[in-house]
Amino acid sequence: MNANETQYQWTVEHPEHGKTEVIAQDKLHALYEAARRWQVRWTSIARACTFTKEELNGNK
């Protein structure tokens, strides 16, 4: 991660694993973080996940 990259708060939802919030610079990195928390491979959950992005200061 580059120090100049903007970080966002992502809510990642999956029908079997539920919902988690992660900090990441983009959707792909949010997916990686969610998969790590759920202890699954990101490739096994990617298609079923939905994402909501918010700036860290609370603005969408």
N, C-alpha and C. Protein backbone atom coordinates (compact mmCIF):
# COMPACT_ATOMS: atom_id res chain seq x y z
N MET A 1 0.84 -1.18 0.00
CA MET A 1 0.00 0.00 0.00
C MET A 1 0.88 1.23 0.00
N ASN A 2 0.56 2.14 -0.86
CA ASN A 2 1.25 3.41 -0.95
C ASN A 2 0.69 4.35 0.11
N ALA A 3 1.55 5.14 0.75
CA ALA A 3 1.11 6.05 1.81
C ALA A 3 0.14 7.10 1.29
N ASN A 4 0.14 7.37 -0.02
CA ASN A 4 -0.75 8.37 -0.60
C ASN A 4 -2.11 7.82 -1.00
N GLU A 5 -2.31 6.52 -0.91
CA GLU A 5 -3.58 5.93 -1.31
C GLU A 5 -4.66 6.21 -0.28
N THR A 6 -5.83 6.59 -0.74
CA THR A 6 -6.95 6.86 0.14
C THR A 6 -7.52 5.55 0.65
N GLN A 7 -7.76 5.49 1.94
CA GLN A 7 -8.35 4.31 2.56
C GLN A 7 -9.84 4.56 2.79
N TYR A 8 -10.63 3.53 2.63
CA TYR A 8 -12.07 3.62 2.83
C TYR A 8 -12.50 2.55 3.82
N GLN A 9 -13.63 2.78 4.44
CA GLN A 9 -14.25 1.75 5.26
C GLN A 9 -15.25 1.02 4.38
N TRP A 10 -15.10 -0.28 4.29
CA TRP A 10 -15.97 -1.12 3.47
C TRP A 10 -16.79 -2.03 4.37
N THR A 11 -18.04 -2.18 4.05
CA THR A 11 -18.87 -3.21 4.66
C THR A 11 -19.01 -4.30 3.61
N VAL A 12 -18.55 -5.49 3.97
CA VAL A 12 -18.59 -6.63 3.05
C VAL A 12 -19.61 -7.62 3.61
N GLU A 13 -20.56 -8.01 2.77
CA GLU A 13 -21.61 -8.95 3.20
C GLU A 13 -21.58 -10.20 2.32
N HIS A 14 -21.83 -11.32 2.98
CA HIS A 14 -21.89 -12.61 2.29
C HIS A 14 -23.05 -13.40 2.88
N PRO A 15 -23.82 -14.11 2.06
CA PRO A 15 -25.00 -14.82 2.56
C PRO A 15 -24.71 -15.87 3.63
N GLU A 16 -23.55 -16.49 3.61
CA GLU A 16 -23.21 -17.52 4.59
C GLU A 16 -22.34 -17.01 5.73
N HIS A 17 -21.50 -16.02 5.45
CA HIS A 17 -20.52 -15.56 6.44
C HIS A 17 -20.95 -14.29 7.18
N GLY A 18 -22.02 -13.68 6.70
CA GLY A 18 -22.53 -12.50 7.39
C GLY A 18 -21.90 -11.21 6.88
N LYS A 19 -21.66 -10.30 7.81
CA LYS A 19 -21.20 -8.96 7.47
C LYS A 19 -19.96 -8.63 8.30
N THR A 20 -19.01 -7.93 7.68
CA THR A 20 -17.84 -7.45 8.39
C THR A 20 -17.45 -6.09 7.82
N GLU A 21 -16.79 -5.29 8.63
CA GLU A 21 -16.29 -4.00 8.17
C GLU A 21 -14.77 -4.05 8.15
N VAL A 22 -14.20 -3.55 7.06
CA VAL A 22 -12.75 -3.55 6.89
C VAL A 22 -12.31 -2.19 6.37
N ILE A 23 -11.02 -1.90 6.54
CA ILE A 23 -10.41 -0.70 5.99
C ILE A 23 -9.53 -1.14 4.83
N ALA A 24 -9.77 -0.57 3.65
CA ALA A 24 -9.00 -0.96 2.46
C ALA A 24 -9.06 0.15 1.43
N GLN A 25 -8.12 0.14 0.48
CA GLN A 25 -8.09 1.18 -0.55
C GLN A 25 -9.02 0.90 -1.72
N ASP A 26 -9.43 -0.35 -1.90
CA ASP A 26 -10.33 -0.67 -3.01
C ASP A 26 -11.11 -1.94 -2.69
N LYS A 27 -12.04 -2.27 -3.57
CA LYS A 27 -12.94 -3.40 -3.33
C LYS A 27 -12.18 -4.72 -3.25
N LEU A 28 -11.19 -4.90 -4.09
CA LEU A 28 -10.43 -6.15 -4.08
C LEU A 28 -9.72 -6.36 -2.74
N HIS A 29 -9.09 -5.32 -2.23
CA HIS A 29 -8.42 -5.44 -0.94
C HIS A 29 -9.43 -5.62 0.20
N ALA A 30 -10.60 -5.04 0.06
CA ALA A 30 -11.66 -5.26 1.05
C ALA A 30 -12.07 -6.73 1.05
N LEU A 31 -12.17 -7.31 -0.13
CA LEU A 31 -12.50 -8.73 -0.25
C LEU A 31 -11.43 -9.60 0.41
N TYR A 32 -10.15 -9.29 0.16
CA TYR A 32 -9.05 -10.04 0.78
C TYR A 32 -9.17 -10.00 2.31
N GLU A 33 -9.42 -8.81 2.85
CA GLU A 33 -9.50 -8.65 4.30
C GLU A 33 -10.69 -9.41 4.88
N ALA A 34 -11.83 -9.33 4.21
CA ALA A 34 -13.01 -10.05 4.69
C ALA A 34 -12.76 -11.56 4.67
N ALA A 35 -12.18 -12.05 3.60
CA ALA A 35 -11.88 -13.48 3.50
C ALA A 35 -10.92 -13.92 4.61
N ARG A 36 -9.96 -13.09 4.91
CA ARG A 36 -9.01 -13.41 5.98
C ARG A 36 -9.74 -13.51 7.33
N ARG A 37 -10.64 -12.58 7.58
CA ARG A 37 -11.40 -12.60 8.84
C ARG A 37 -12.29 -13.84 8.93
N TRP A 38 -12.88 -14.20 7.80
CA TRP A 38 -13.76 -15.36 7.79
C TRP A 38 -12.99 -16.67 7.63
N GLN A 39 -11.70 -16.58 7.43
CA GLN A 39 -10.81 -17.73 7.26
C GLN A 39 -11.23 -18.63 6.10
N VAL A 40 -11.47 -17.97 4.97
CA VAL A 40 -11.81 -18.68 3.73
C VAL A 40 -10.98 -18.09 2.60
N ARG A 41 -10.93 -18.80 1.49
CA ARG A 41 -10.23 -18.27 0.31
C ARG A 41 -11.10 -17.21 -0.35
N TRP A 42 -10.49 -16.12 -0.76
CA TRP A 42 -11.28 -15.04 -1.36
C TRP A 42 -11.96 -15.49 -2.63
N THR A 43 -11.35 -16.43 -3.35
CA THR A 43 -11.94 -16.90 -4.60
C THR A 43 -13.24 -17.66 -4.39
N SER A 44 -13.41 -18.21 -3.19
CA SER A 44 -14.62 -18.98 -2.91
C SER A 44 -15.82 -18.11 -2.54
N ILE A 45 -15.58 -16.83 -2.24
CA ILE A 45 -16.68 -15.96 -1.80
C ILE A 45 -16.90 -14.74 -2.69
N ALA A 46 -16.00 -14.48 -3.61
CA ALA A 46 -16.01 -13.21 -4.36
C ALA A 46 -17.34 -12.92 -5.06
N ARG A 47 -17.90 -13.88 -5.73
CA ARG A 47 -19.13 -13.62 -6.51
C ARG A 47 -20.35 -13.36 -5.64
N ALA A 48 -20.36 -13.90 -4.44
CA ALA A 48 -21.54 -13.76 -3.57
C ALA A 48 -21.48 -12.54 -2.65
N CYS A 49 -20.35 -11.86 -2.61
CA CYS A 49 -20.20 -10.72 -1.71
C CYS A 49 -20.80 -9.45 -2.30
N THR A 50 -21.32 -8.61 -1.40
CA THR A 50 -21.74 -7.26 -1.77
C THR A 50 -20.90 -6.29 -0.94
N PHE A 51 -20.71 -5.09 -1.49
CA PHE A 51 -19.80 -4.13 -0.89
C PHE A 51 -20.47 -2.77 -0.76
N THR A 52 -20.22 -2.12 0.36
CA THR A 52 -20.64 -0.74 0.56
C THR A 52 -19.40 0.03 0.99
N LYS A 53 -19.11 1.14 0.30
CA LYS A 53 -17.91 1.92 0.58
C LYS A 53 -18.27 3.24 1.24
N GLU A 54 -17.53 3.60 2.29
CA GLU A 54 -17.67 4.90 2.93
C GLU A 54 -16.28 5.46 3.18
N GLU A 55 -16.15 6.78 3.07
CA GLU A 55 -14.89 7.40 3.44
C GLU A 55 -14.73 7.28 4.94
N LEU A 56 -13.51 7.30 5.40
CA LEU A 56 -13.26 7.10 6.82
C LEU A 56 -13.86 8.20 7.69
N ASN A 57 -14.10 9.38 7.12
CA ASN A 57 -14.70 10.46 7.91
C ASN A 57 -16.22 10.36 7.95
N GLY A 58 -16.78 9.29 7.36
CA GLY A 58 -18.22 9.06 7.42
C GLY A 58 -18.98 9.47 6.18
N ASN A 59 -18.35 10.14 5.22
CA ASN A 59 -19.02 10.53 3.98
C ASN A 59 -18.96 9.40 2.98
N LYS A 60 -20.02 9.24 2.19
CA LYS A 60 -20.03 8.21 1.14
C LYS A 60 -19.42 8.74 -0.13
